[in-house]
Protein backbone atom coordinates (compact mmCIF):
# COMPACT_ATOMS: atom_id res chain seq x y z
CA UNK A 1 -88.54 20.38 -71.76
CA UNK A 2 -91.14 23.07 -72.28
CA UNK A 3 -90.43 26.57 -70.96
CA UNK A 4 -93.35 28.85 -70.29
CA UNK A 5 -93.11 32.55 -71.10
CA UNK A 6 -94.71 33.33 -67.73
CA UNK A 7 -91.93 31.47 -65.92
CA UNK A 8 -89.24 33.33 -67.83
CA UNK A 9 -90.84 36.69 -67.07
CA UNK A 10 -91.21 35.82 -63.38
CA UNK A 11 -87.59 34.71 -62.96
CA UNK A 12 -86.35 37.70 -64.97
CA UNK A 13 -88.27 40.03 -62.65
CA UNK A 14 -86.86 38.29 -59.56
CA UNK A 15 -83.32 38.57 -60.95
CA UNK A 16 -83.85 42.27 -61.75
CA UNK A 17 -85.20 43.03 -58.28
CA UNK A 18 -82.36 41.10 -56.65
CA UNK A 19 -79.69 42.84 -58.73
CA UNK A 20 -81.22 46.29 -58.31
CA UNK A 21 -81.32 45.91 -54.52
CA UNK A 22 -77.56 45.39 -54.30
CA UNK A 23 -74.90 48.00 -53.73
CA UNK A 24 -74.02 50.63 -56.29
CA UNK A 25 -70.42 51.81 -56.63
CA UNK A 26 -70.52 55.55 -56.30
CA UNK A 27 -67.00 56.89 -56.25
CA UNK A 28 -63.42 56.58 -55.08
CA UNK A 29 -61.34 59.25 -53.39
CA UNK A 30 -60.01 60.50 -50.08
CA UNK A 31 -61.80 60.25 -46.75
CA UNK A 32 -61.02 62.26 -43.63
CA UNK A 33 -62.57 62.32 -40.19
CA UNK A 34 -64.31 65.23 -38.49
CA UNK A 35 -62.59 67.54 -36.06
CA UNK A 36 -63.72 67.41 -32.42
CA UNK A 37 -64.91 71.03 -32.71
CA UNK A 38 -68.15 69.74 -34.30
CA UNK A 39 -69.06 67.46 -31.37
CA UNK A 40 -72.55 68.30 -30.10
CA UNK A 41 -73.35 70.74 -32.92
CA UNK A 42 -76.19 70.24 -35.38
CA UNK A 43 -75.50 68.59 -38.71
CA UNK A 44 -77.03 69.83 -41.96
CA UNK A 45 -80.08 67.60 -41.51
CA UNK A 46 -80.66 68.78 -37.92
CA UNK A 47 -79.24 65.80 -36.00
CA UNK A 48 -76.78 66.41 -33.19
CA UNK A 49 -73.27 65.39 -34.30
CA UNK A 50 -71.68 62.60 -32.28
CA UNK A 51 -68.17 61.28 -32.94
CA UNK A 52 -69.25 57.93 -31.44
CA UNK A 53 -71.87 57.27 -34.13
CA UNK A 54 -71.27 55.82 -37.59
CA UNK A 55 -72.31 58.85 -39.63
CA UNK A 56 -70.77 60.91 -42.41
CA UNK A 57 -70.99 63.96 -44.64
CA UNK A 58 -71.21 63.74 -48.42
CA UNK A 59 -71.82 66.28 -51.17
CA UNK A 60 -74.71 64.53 -52.96
CA UNK A 61 -76.05 61.40 -51.24
CA UNK A 62 -79.50 62.05 -49.71
CA UNK A 63 -79.77 62.36 -45.94
CA UNK A 64 -80.40 58.97 -44.38
CA UNK A 65 -78.57 57.08 -47.14
CA UNK A 66 -76.52 54.11 -46.02
CA UNK A 67 -73.06 54.05 -47.57
CA UNK A 68 -70.45 51.31 -47.36
CA UNK A 69 -67.02 52.93 -47.03
CA UNK A 70 -64.04 50.69 -47.78
CA UNK A 71 -60.47 51.69 -46.94
CA UNK A 72 -58.50 50.73 -50.05
CA UNK A 73 -55.23 50.46 -48.07
CA UNK A 74 -56.44 47.65 -45.78
CA UNK A 75 -59.82 46.55 -47.23
CA UNK A 76 -61.65 47.32 -43.94
CA UNK A 77 -65.25 48.50 -44.39
CA UNK A 78 -67.97 50.21 -42.39
CA UNK A 79 -71.52 51.29 -43.17
CA UNK A 80 -72.31 54.89 -42.29
CA UNK A 81 -75.47 56.99 -42.45
CA UNK A 82 -75.28 60.29 -44.32
CA UNK A 83 -76.52 63.10 -42.06
CA UNK A 84 -74.38 66.07 -43.11
CA UNK A 85 -73.16 67.97 -46.17
CA UNK A 86 -69.62 68.77 -47.22
CA UNK A 87 -68.54 72.06 -48.74
CA UNK A 88 -68.57 71.87 -52.55
CA UNK A 89 -64.95 73.04 -52.64
CA UNK A 90 -63.88 70.14 -50.38
CA UNK A 91 -61.69 67.77 -52.44
CA UNK A 92 -62.46 64.71 -50.27
CA UNK A 93 -65.29 62.34 -51.18
CA UNK A 94 -66.54 61.81 -47.61
CA UNK A 95 -66.02 63.01 -44.04
CA UNK A 96 -66.64 60.33 -41.42
CA UNK A 97 -66.83 60.34 -37.63
CA UNK A 98 -63.86 59.27 -35.56
CA UNK A 99 -65.72 56.06 -34.70
CA UNK A 100 -65.99 55.21 -38.41
CA UNK A 101 -62.35 56.21 -39.01
CA UNK A 102 -61.29 53.87 -36.20
CA UNK A 103 -63.20 50.95 -37.75
CA UNK A 104 -61.65 51.78 -41.12
CA UNK A 105 -58.18 51.83 -39.57
CA UNK A 106 -57.14 55.40 -40.37
CA UNK A 107 -57.92 57.32 -37.18
CA UNK A 108 -54.27 58.19 -36.43
CA UNK A 109 -53.38 58.76 -40.08
CA UNK A 110 -56.27 61.23 -40.58
CA UNK A 111 -56.83 60.56 -44.28
CA UNK A 112 -57.09 57.51 -46.52
CA UNK A 113 -58.20 56.48 -49.98
CA UNK A 114 -61.66 54.87 -50.00
CA UNK A 115 -64.38 53.55 -52.26
CA UNK A 116 -68.02 54.34 -51.58
CA UNK A 117 -71.00 52.13 -52.32
CA UNK A 118 -74.52 53.31 -51.66
CA UNK A 119 -76.55 50.52 -50.06
CA UNK A 120 -80.03 50.17 -51.52
């Protein structure tokens, strides 16, 4: 069986593109949900905050980033869009809307340990 260098390069490039378009584990830490006092106010990127949307605040992810948030206590996940910033002194890794907290199963608890993966 003869293997062509061109074939190897092509399949290597396809594998690289496929692997690089997957998720990237960003961090693990505590998540909380927003207070109702922010409902209807503008987020850091100018959007109007809505507890019914699947959005979140993060310290570093660019606005518009899609992030998979997984509750480590029950393995439930949700994908949120980053549209706000957290205070640098905030010890949590992400603040999510109540809608996202409900899907993650920690709405009543208020805080849970999560892992974050940026979707590319």
